[in-house]
N, C-alpha and C. Protein backbone atom coordinates (compact mmCIF):
# COMPACT_ATOMS: atom_id res chain seq x y z
N UNK A 1 -50.68 44.28 71.43
CA UNK A 1 -49.36 44.86 71.47
C UNK A 1 -48.52 44.28 70.33
N UNK A 2 -47.73 45.10 69.68
CA UNK A 2 -46.89 44.68 68.57
C UNK A 2 -45.70 43.86 69.05
N UNK A 3 -45.35 42.88 68.25
CA UNK A 3 -44.23 42.01 68.57
C UNK A 3 -42.90 42.71 68.26
N UNK A 4 -41.93 42.55 69.14
CA UNK A 4 -40.58 43.05 68.94
C UNK A 4 -39.66 41.84 68.87
N UNK A 5 -38.88 41.75 67.80
CA UNK A 5 -37.93 40.65 67.62
C UNK A 5 -36.53 41.19 67.88
N UNK A 6 -35.83 40.58 68.82
CA UNK A 6 -34.46 40.98 69.14
C UNK A 6 -33.52 39.85 68.74
N UNK A 7 -32.56 40.15 67.90
CA UNK A 7 -31.59 39.16 67.45
C UNK A 7 -30.38 39.17 68.37
N UNK A 8 -30.12 38.03 68.97
CA UNK A 8 -28.99 37.85 69.88
C UNK A 8 -28.87 38.99 70.91
N UNK A 9 -29.92 39.18 71.72
CA UNK A 9 -29.84 40.24 72.72
C UNK A 9 -28.79 39.92 73.79
N UNK A 10 -28.01 40.92 74.12
CA UNK A 10 -27.01 40.78 75.17
C UNK A 10 -27.37 41.67 76.34
N UNK A 11 -26.43 41.87 77.21
CA UNK A 11 -26.67 42.71 78.39
C UNK A 11 -26.81 44.18 78.04
N UNK A 12 -26.10 44.63 76.98
CA UNK A 12 -26.15 46.06 76.65
C UNK A 12 -26.71 46.36 75.26
N UNK A 13 -26.80 45.36 74.37
CA UNK A 13 -27.36 45.60 73.05
C UNK A 13 -27.73 44.30 72.37
N UNK A 14 -28.55 44.42 71.34
CA UNK A 14 -28.90 43.28 70.49
C UNK A 14 -28.22 43.49 69.14
N UNK A 15 -28.02 42.41 68.37
CA UNK A 15 -27.42 42.55 67.04
C UNK A 15 -28.39 43.20 66.06
N UNK A 16 -29.68 43.17 66.38
CA UNK A 16 -30.71 43.85 65.59
C UNK A 16 -32.00 43.82 66.38
N UNK A 17 -32.88 44.77 66.05
CA UNK A 17 -34.23 44.79 66.62
C UNK A 17 -35.18 45.04 65.46
N UNK A 18 -36.23 44.22 65.39
CA UNK A 18 -37.24 44.36 64.35
C UNK A 18 -38.58 44.68 65.00
N UNK A 19 -39.27 45.69 64.44
CA UNK A 19 -40.55 46.10 64.99
C UNK A 19 -41.36 46.80 63.90
N UNK A 20 -42.59 46.41 63.72
CA UNK A 20 -43.49 47.05 62.75
C UNK A 20 -42.90 47.15 61.34
N UNK A 21 -42.13 46.14 60.93
CA UNK A 21 -41.57 46.14 59.58
C UNK A 21 -40.30 46.96 59.44
N UNK A 22 -39.77 47.47 60.55
CA UNK A 22 -38.50 48.20 60.52
C UNK A 22 -37.42 47.34 61.17
N UNK A 23 -36.21 47.43 60.64
CA UNK A 23 -35.07 46.70 61.19
C UNK A 23 -34.02 47.73 61.60
N UNK A 24 -33.65 47.69 62.87
CA UNK A 24 -32.68 48.62 63.44
C UNK A 24 -31.40 47.84 63.74
N UNK A 25 -30.30 48.28 63.15
CA UNK A 25 -29.01 47.65 63.44
C UNK A 25 -28.21 48.58 64.35
N UNK A 26 -27.41 47.99 65.25
CA UNK A 26 -26.58 48.82 66.12
C UNK A 26 -25.39 49.37 65.34
N UNK A 27 -24.57 50.13 66.00
CA UNK A 27 -23.31 50.55 65.39
C UNK A 27 -22.47 49.32 65.14
N UNK A 28 -22.15 49.05 63.88
CA UNK A 28 -21.39 47.85 63.51
C UNK A 28 -19.96 48.27 63.21
N UNK A 29 -19.01 47.51 63.76
CA UNK A 29 -17.59 47.78 63.57
C UNK A 29 -16.90 46.54 63.01
N UNK A 30 -15.71 46.74 62.50
CA UNK A 30 -14.91 45.63 61.98
C UNK A 30 -14.40 44.77 63.13
N UNK A 31 -14.30 43.49 62.87
CA UNK A 31 -13.71 42.60 63.87
C UNK A 31 -12.20 42.58 63.74
N UNK A 32 -11.71 42.75 62.51
CA UNK A 32 -10.26 42.80 62.27
C UNK A 32 -9.82 44.26 62.26
N UNK A 33 -9.38 44.73 63.40
CA UNK A 33 -8.99 46.14 63.54
C UNK A 33 -7.60 46.43 62.98
N UNK A 34 -6.95 45.42 62.43
CA UNK A 34 -5.66 45.62 61.80
C UNK A 34 -5.80 46.13 60.36
N UNK A 35 -7.01 46.11 59.83
CA UNK A 35 -7.25 46.56 58.46
C UNK A 35 -7.28 48.08 58.39
N UNK A 36 -7.03 48.61 57.18
CA UNK A 36 -7.13 50.05 56.96
C UNK A 36 -8.60 50.43 56.81
N UNK A 37 -8.87 51.70 56.52
CA UNK A 37 -10.26 52.18 56.44
C UNK A 37 -11.06 51.42 55.39
N UNK A 38 -10.47 51.13 54.25
CA UNK A 38 -11.21 50.39 53.22
C UNK A 38 -11.50 48.96 53.67
N UNK A 39 -10.53 48.32 54.30
CA UNK A 39 -10.74 46.96 54.79
C UNK A 39 -11.80 46.90 55.87
N UNK A 40 -11.74 47.84 56.82
CA UNK A 40 -12.75 47.86 57.88
C UNK A 40 -14.13 48.20 57.32
N UNK A 41 -14.20 49.14 56.40
CA UNK A 41 -15.49 49.50 55.81
C UNK A 41 -16.09 48.31 55.07
N UNK A 42 -15.29 47.61 54.28
CA UNK A 42 -15.78 46.44 53.55
C UNK A 42 -16.32 45.38 54.51
N UNK A 43 -15.63 45.16 55.61
CA UNK A 43 -16.07 44.19 56.60
C UNK A 43 -17.39 44.61 57.23
N UNK A 44 -17.51 45.88 57.57
CA UNK A 44 -18.75 46.39 58.18
C UNK A 44 -19.91 46.26 57.20
N UNK A 45 -19.70 46.61 55.95
CA UNK A 45 -20.78 46.51 54.95
C UNK A 45 -21.21 45.07 54.75
N UNK A 46 -20.28 44.13 54.78
CA UNK A 46 -20.63 42.71 54.67
C UNK A 46 -21.47 42.26 55.87
N UNK A 47 -21.12 42.75 57.07
CA UNK A 47 -21.91 42.41 58.26
C UNK A 47 -23.33 42.99 58.16
N UNK A 48 -23.44 44.19 57.62
CA UNK A 48 -24.75 44.81 57.44
C UNK A 48 -25.58 43.97 56.47
N UNK A 49 -24.99 43.58 55.35
CA UNK A 49 -25.69 42.72 54.38
C UNK A 49 -26.22 41.46 55.05
N UNK A 50 -25.37 40.80 55.83
CA UNK A 50 -25.75 39.55 56.48
C UNK A 50 -26.89 39.75 57.48
N UNK A 51 -26.82 40.80 58.27
CA UNK A 51 -27.86 41.02 59.28
C UNK A 51 -29.18 41.42 58.62
N UNK A 52 -29.12 42.23 57.57
CA UNK A 52 -30.35 42.58 56.87
C UNK A 52 -30.98 41.33 56.26
N UNK A 53 -30.16 40.46 55.69
CA UNK A 53 -30.68 39.21 55.11
C UNK A 53 -31.34 38.35 56.19
N UNK A 54 -30.73 38.29 57.36
CA UNK A 54 -31.32 37.54 58.48
C UNK A 54 -32.74 38.02 58.77
N UNK A 55 -32.98 39.30 58.57
CA UNK A 55 -34.29 39.88 58.87
C UNK A 55 -35.16 40.04 57.63
N UNK A 56 -34.79 39.39 56.54
CA UNK A 56 -35.64 39.37 55.35
C UNK A 56 -35.68 40.66 54.57
N UNK A 57 -34.60 41.42 54.61
CA UNK A 57 -34.53 42.66 53.85
C UNK A 57 -33.13 42.80 53.27
N UNK A 58 -32.86 43.92 52.64
CA UNK A 58 -31.54 44.13 52.04
C UNK A 58 -31.26 45.62 51.89
N UNK A 59 -30.10 45.93 51.31
CA UNK A 59 -29.66 47.32 51.23
C UNK A 59 -30.48 48.18 50.28
N UNK A 60 -31.40 47.60 49.52
CA UNK A 60 -32.31 48.41 48.70
C UNK A 60 -33.40 49.03 49.56
N UNK A 61 -33.48 48.62 50.82
CA UNK A 61 -34.54 49.08 51.73
C UNK A 61 -33.99 49.94 52.87
N UNK A 62 -32.79 50.47 52.71
CA UNK A 62 -32.19 51.33 53.74
C UNK A 62 -32.97 52.63 53.86
N UNK A 63 -33.16 53.08 55.07
CA UNK A 63 -33.82 54.36 55.34
C UNK A 63 -32.84 55.39 55.88
N UNK A 64 -31.98 54.96 56.80
CA UNK A 64 -31.09 55.88 57.48
C UNK A 64 -29.77 55.20 57.79
N UNK A 65 -28.68 55.97 57.70
CA UNK A 65 -27.36 55.49 58.11
C UNK A 65 -26.68 56.57 58.94
N UNK A 66 -26.04 56.13 59.99
CA UNK A 66 -25.21 57.03 60.79
C UNK A 66 -23.80 56.44 60.76
N UNK A 67 -22.85 57.24 60.35
CA UNK A 67 -21.48 56.77 60.18
C UNK A 67 -20.55 57.61 61.04
N UNK A 68 -19.72 56.91 61.82
CA UNK A 68 -18.71 57.57 62.64
C UNK A 68 -17.35 57.14 62.13
N UNK A 69 -16.48 58.10 61.89
CA UNK A 69 -15.11 57.85 61.44
C UNK A 69 -14.13 58.34 62.50
N UNK A 70 -13.08 57.57 62.71
CA UNK A 70 -12.03 58.02 63.63
C UNK A 70 -11.38 59.29 63.08
N UNK A 71 -11.15 59.29 61.75
CA UNK A 71 -10.53 60.42 61.08
C UNK A 71 -11.44 60.86 59.93
N UNK A 72 -11.96 62.07 59.98
CA UNK A 72 -12.84 62.54 58.91
C UNK A 72 -12.10 62.56 57.57
N UNK A 73 -10.80 62.60 57.60
CA UNK A 73 -10.01 62.56 56.36
C UNK A 73 -10.15 61.21 55.65
N UNK A 74 -10.68 60.19 56.34
CA UNK A 74 -10.94 58.88 55.73
C UNK A 74 -12.27 58.85 54.97
N UNK A 75 -13.00 59.95 55.02
CA UNK A 75 -14.33 59.99 54.39
C UNK A 75 -14.30 59.64 52.89
N UNK A 76 -13.38 60.20 52.09
CA UNK A 76 -13.37 59.85 50.67
C UNK A 76 -13.14 58.34 50.43
N UNK A 77 -12.23 57.73 51.17
CA UNK A 77 -11.97 56.30 51.00
C UNK A 77 -13.17 55.47 51.44
N UNK A 78 -13.79 55.84 52.55
CA UNK A 78 -14.99 55.13 53.01
C UNK A 78 -16.12 55.32 52.01
N UNK A 79 -16.30 56.55 51.52
CA UNK A 79 -17.36 56.83 50.54
C UNK A 79 -17.19 56.05 49.25
N UNK A 80 -15.95 55.80 48.87
CA UNK A 80 -15.70 55.01 47.66
C UNK A 80 -16.34 53.63 47.77
N UNK A 81 -16.14 52.97 48.90
CA UNK A 81 -16.75 51.66 49.12
C UNK A 81 -18.25 51.77 49.35
N UNK A 82 -18.66 52.76 50.12
CA UNK A 82 -20.08 52.98 50.41
C UNK A 82 -20.86 53.16 49.11
N UNK A 83 -20.37 54.03 48.24
CA UNK A 83 -21.06 54.32 46.97
C UNK A 83 -21.12 53.10 46.07
N UNK A 84 -20.06 52.32 46.03
CA UNK A 84 -20.04 51.09 45.21
C UNK A 84 -20.99 50.04 45.79
N UNK A 85 -21.15 50.02 47.10
CA UNK A 85 -22.01 49.03 47.78
C UNK A 85 -23.49 49.35 47.61
N UNK A 86 -23.83 50.63 47.60
CA UNK A 86 -25.24 51.02 47.49
C UNK A 86 -25.78 50.78 46.09
N UNK A 87 -26.99 50.21 45.97
CA UNK A 87 -27.62 50.12 44.66
C UNK A 87 -27.92 51.53 44.15
N UNK A 88 -27.80 51.73 42.85
CA UNK A 88 -28.02 53.05 42.27
C UNK A 88 -29.41 53.58 42.62
N UNK A 89 -29.47 54.82 43.06
CA UNK A 89 -30.73 55.47 43.40
C UNK A 89 -31.33 55.04 44.72
N UNK A 90 -30.59 54.28 45.53
CA UNK A 90 -31.13 53.74 46.78
C UNK A 90 -30.45 54.29 48.03
N UNK A 91 -29.81 55.44 47.93
CA UNK A 91 -29.11 55.99 49.08
C UNK A 91 -30.10 56.39 50.18
N UNK A 92 -29.77 56.06 51.44
CA UNK A 92 -30.61 56.48 52.56
C UNK A 92 -30.24 57.91 52.98
N UNK A 93 -31.00 58.48 53.91
CA UNK A 93 -30.53 59.70 54.56
C UNK A 93 -29.32 59.27 55.39
N UNK A 94 -28.40 60.21 55.61
CA UNK A 94 -27.15 59.79 56.23
C UNK A 94 -26.47 60.94 56.95
N UNK A 95 -25.80 60.60 58.03
CA UNK A 95 -24.88 61.52 58.70
C UNK A 95 -23.53 60.83 58.76
N UNK A 96 -22.47 61.60 58.63
CA UNK A 96 -21.11 61.06 58.71
C UNK A 96 -20.27 62.07 59.47
N UNK A 97 -19.77 61.66 60.62
CA UNK A 97 -19.02 62.57 61.47
C UNK A 97 -17.74 61.91 61.99
N UNK A 98 -16.83 62.73 62.44
CA UNK A 98 -15.63 62.25 63.12
C UNK A 98 -15.97 62.05 64.58
N UNK A 99 -15.49 60.95 65.15
CA UNK A 99 -15.79 60.66 66.55
C UNK A 99 -14.69 59.80 67.16
N UNK A 100 -14.57 59.89 68.46
CA UNK A 100 -13.67 58.99 69.19
C UNK A 100 -14.45 57.69 69.40
N UNK A 101 -13.96 56.61 68.82
CA UNK A 101 -14.67 55.33 68.90
C UNK A 101 -14.22 54.55 70.13
N UNK A 102 -14.96 53.50 70.48
CA UNK A 102 -14.73 52.76 71.72
C UNK A 102 -13.34 52.13 71.80
N UNK A 103 -12.80 51.69 70.67
CA UNK A 103 -11.47 51.09 70.60
C UNK A 103 -10.63 51.96 69.68
N UNK A 104 -9.45 52.39 70.10
CA UNK A 104 -8.64 53.26 69.25
C UNK A 104 -8.26 52.65 67.90
N UNK A 105 -8.34 51.34 67.77
CA UNK A 105 -8.01 50.68 66.50
C UNK A 105 -9.17 50.72 65.51
N UNK A 106 -10.37 51.01 65.99
CA UNK A 106 -11.53 51.09 65.10
C UNK A 106 -11.46 52.37 64.30
N UNK A 107 -11.75 52.26 62.99
CA UNK A 107 -11.69 53.41 62.10
C UNK A 107 -13.07 53.86 61.63
N UNK A 108 -14.06 52.95 61.69
CA UNK A 108 -15.40 53.26 61.19
C UNK A 108 -16.44 52.46 61.96
N UNK A 109 -17.58 53.08 62.16
CA UNK A 109 -18.74 52.42 62.78
C UNK A 109 -19.97 52.90 62.04
N UNK A 110 -20.84 51.95 61.65
CA UNK A 110 -22.03 52.31 60.86
C UNK A 110 -23.27 51.71 61.53
N UNK A 111 -24.28 52.55 61.69
CA UNK A 111 -25.57 52.16 62.27
C UNK A 111 -26.63 52.36 61.20
N UNK A 112 -27.51 51.38 61.03
CA UNK A 112 -28.48 51.35 59.93
C UNK A 112 -29.91 51.18 60.44
N UNK A 113 -30.84 51.83 59.79
CA UNK A 113 -32.27 51.55 59.93
C UNK A 113 -32.78 51.21 58.53
N UNK A 114 -33.52 50.12 58.43
CA UNK A 114 -34.07 49.67 57.15
C UNK A 114 -35.51 49.24 57.36
N UNK A 115 -36.23 49.06 56.28
CA UNK A 115 -37.58 48.52 56.36
C UNK A 115 -37.61 47.20 55.60
N UNK A 116 -38.66 46.43 55.82
CA UNK A 116 -38.79 45.14 55.15
C UNK A 116 -39.51 45.29 53.84
């Protein structure tokens, strides 16, 4: 049976799950909800970088991203940071939709799948 590595598993989710060379990150949100869309996006991307590094991979190995925005009108501002963060030619498949997030102060949530 293949080994499954769960990083900081809690009652309802883990901070990451690794299996068969794939790393699955949960929906990541900003901790400082007082920031605007650019501030929250920057914080989320930094958290993604850190978690991928913990699992021995990085943003050059992204496969899929799912992005939820409180306001779809924030898409251009979020995309500005997203595009600058991604290495050239390394964009994953992606969905980006407007959604009601768990906390009304949250503006963006990003879920990632990467490989090692």
